[in-house]
Amino acid sequence: MTKRLQKIQERRKRREHRVRTILRGTTERPRMNVSISNKHVAVQVIDDSEHKTLVAVSTVGKKMDAKNMTEKATWAGTEIAKAAKAKKISKVIYDRGPKLYHGRVKALADAAREAGLEF
């Protein structure tokens, strides 16, 4: 592995560790975890005190007319907010993982906020 790739992985691990040491989901305010790959977006609402996934939404296996990943992230944010509201969850903690709060991660967060989730 080249030095450049090692630095990228180190920065990613540092960001992930920094975010995960701060965030813990509770029953009153569960953690909304975001996972974005090259093709798909997955979002889970997790209660860390009981170690259970309460709500999950993913673009895997969905026939979408979204043209790009930002649109998929926006769709996922809207859907996770609807599903969380159905389970009577209104407040969450946003866990972006090792991703920077920019672009797709920000689009997902904005869509979830517009659909009624608080974080």
Protein backbone atom coordinates (compact mmCIF):
# COMPACT_ATOMS: atom_id res chain seq x y z
CA MET A 1 0.00 0.00 0.00
CA THR A 2 1.29 3.43 -0.83
CA LYS A 3 1.92 6.17 1.69
CA ARG A 4 -0.92 8.23 0.27
CA LEU A 5 -3.47 5.47 0.83
CA GLN A 6 -2.14 4.86 4.34
CA LYS A 7 -2.66 8.53 5.21
CA ILE A 8 -6.20 8.45 3.84
CA GLN A 9 -7.04 5.38 5.92
CA GLU A 10 -5.47 6.89 9.04
CA ARG A 11 -7.54 10.07 8.67
CA ARG A 12 -10.69 8.01 8.14
CA LYS A 13 -10.02 5.93 11.28
CA ARG A 14 -9.30 9.06 13.31
CA ARG A 15 -12.57 10.70 12.22
CA GLU A 16 -14.56 7.55 12.92
CA HIS A 17 -13.03 7.17 16.39
CA ARG A 18 -13.63 10.85 17.20
CA VAL A 19 -17.30 10.65 16.20
CA ARG A 20 -18.02 7.28 17.83
CA THR A 21 -16.48 8.16 21.21
CA ILE A 22 -18.90 11.07 21.55
CA LEU A 23 -22.14 9.53 20.27
CA ARG A 24 -24.29 7.02 22.13
CA GLY A 25 -27.92 6.36 21.27
CA THR A 26 -30.44 6.07 24.09
CA THR A 27 -34.05 4.93 24.19
CA GLU A 28 -35.26 8.56 24.24
CA ARG A 29 -32.80 9.70 21.55
CA PRO A 30 -31.52 6.84 19.36
CA ARG A 31 -28.51 7.12 17.03
CA MET A 32 -29.13 7.52 13.28
CA ASN A 33 -26.20 5.82 11.54
CA VAL A 34 -25.43 6.67 7.91
CA SER A 35 -23.52 4.39 5.56
CA ILE A 36 -22.79 5.58 2.03
CA SER A 37 -20.98 3.41 -0.52
CA ASN A 38 -20.21 4.10 -4.16
CA LYS A 39 -23.64 2.87 -5.31
CA HIS A 40 -25.97 2.76 -2.31
CA VAL A 41 -27.11 4.59 0.80
CA ALA A 42 -28.16 2.86 4.02
CA VAL A 43 -29.53 4.48 7.17
CA GLN A 44 -30.35 2.86 10.52
CA VAL A 45 -31.86 4.21 13.71
CA ILE A 46 -30.19 2.30 16.56
CA ASP A 47 -30.87 2.12 20.30
CA ASP A 48 -27.40 1.50 21.75
CA SER A 49 -28.67 0.80 25.27
CA GLU A 50 -30.61 -2.25 24.03
CA HIS A 51 -28.36 -2.97 21.00
CA LYS A 52 -31.33 -2.99 18.62
CA THR A 53 -31.99 -1.49 15.22
CA LEU A 54 -35.34 0.26 15.44
CA VAL A 55 -35.73 1.45 11.82
CA ALA A 56 -33.66 0.87 8.67
CA VAL A 57 -33.83 2.19 5.09
CA SER A 58 -31.58 1.28 2.16
CA THR A 59 -31.42 1.89 -1.58
CA VAL A 60 -30.25 -1.68 -2.21
CA GLY A 61 -32.76 -3.49 -4.41
CA LYS A 62 -34.88 -0.41 -5.03
CA LYS A 63 -35.74 0.67 -8.56
CA MET A 64 -35.14 4.39 -8.25
CA ASP A 65 -35.33 7.13 -10.79
CA ALA A 66 -32.65 9.08 -8.91
CA LYS A 67 -30.00 10.34 -11.27
CA ASN A 68 -27.14 10.61 -8.79
CA MET A 69 -26.07 9.65 -5.29
CA THR A 70 -27.12 12.96 -3.75
CA GLU A 71 -30.68 12.31 -4.88
CA LYS A 72 -30.50 8.79 -3.42
CA ALA A 73 -29.27 10.24 -0.13
CA THR A 74 -32.11 12.77 -0.13
CA TRP A 75 -34.62 9.97 -0.74
CA ALA A 76 -33.13 7.89 2.08
CA GLY A 77 -33.31 10.86 4.48
CA THR A 78 -36.96 11.44 3.71
CA GLU A 79 -37.84 7.74 4.03
CA ILE A 80 -35.98 7.24 7.32
CA ALA A 81 -37.80 10.24 8.78
CA LYS A 82 -41.17 8.80 7.71
CA ALA A 83 -40.31 5.38 9.15
CA ALA A 84 -39.05 6.90 12.40
CA LYS A 85 -42.20 9.00 12.75
CA ALA A 86 -44.27 5.82 12.30
CA LYS A 87 -42.36 4.30 15.25
CA LYS A 88 -42.94 7.54 17.24
CA ILE A 89 -39.29 8.60 17.13
CA SER A 90 -38.88 12.34 16.69
CA LYS A 91 -35.40 13.07 18.10
CA VAL A 92 -32.21 11.28 17.04
CA ILE A 93 -28.45 11.72 17.24
CA TYR A 94 -26.84 11.97 13.79
CA ASP A 95 -23.90 9.58 13.34
CA ARG A 96 -22.05 10.30 10.11
CA GLY A 97 -19.32 7.75 10.86
CA PRO A 98 -16.01 8.40 9.09
CA LYS A 99 -17.65 10.56 6.41
CA LEU A 100 -17.27 14.33 6.37
CA TYR A 101 -20.45 16.36 6.86
CA HIS A 102 -20.56 17.47 3.25
CA GLY A 103 -22.36 16.59 0.02
CA ARG A 104 -24.36 13.37 0.31
CA VAL A 105 -24.17 13.17 4.10
CA LYS A 106 -25.40 16.75 4.40
CA ALA A 107 -28.16 16.19 1.81
CA LEU A 108 -29.43 13.18 3.77
CA ALA A 109 -29.43 15.17 7.02
CA ASP A 110 -31.24 18.12 5.47
CA ALA A 111 -33.91 15.86 3.95
CA ALA A 112 -34.47 14.11 7.30
CA ARG A 113 -34.79 17.47 9.07
CA GLU A 114 -37.29 18.73 6.51
CA ALA A 115 -39.36 15.55 6.95
CA GLY A 116 -39.59 16.16 10.70
CA LEU A 117 -36.66 14.55 12.52
CA GLU A 118 -34.82 16.62 15.13
CA PHE A 119 -31.06 16.41 15.62
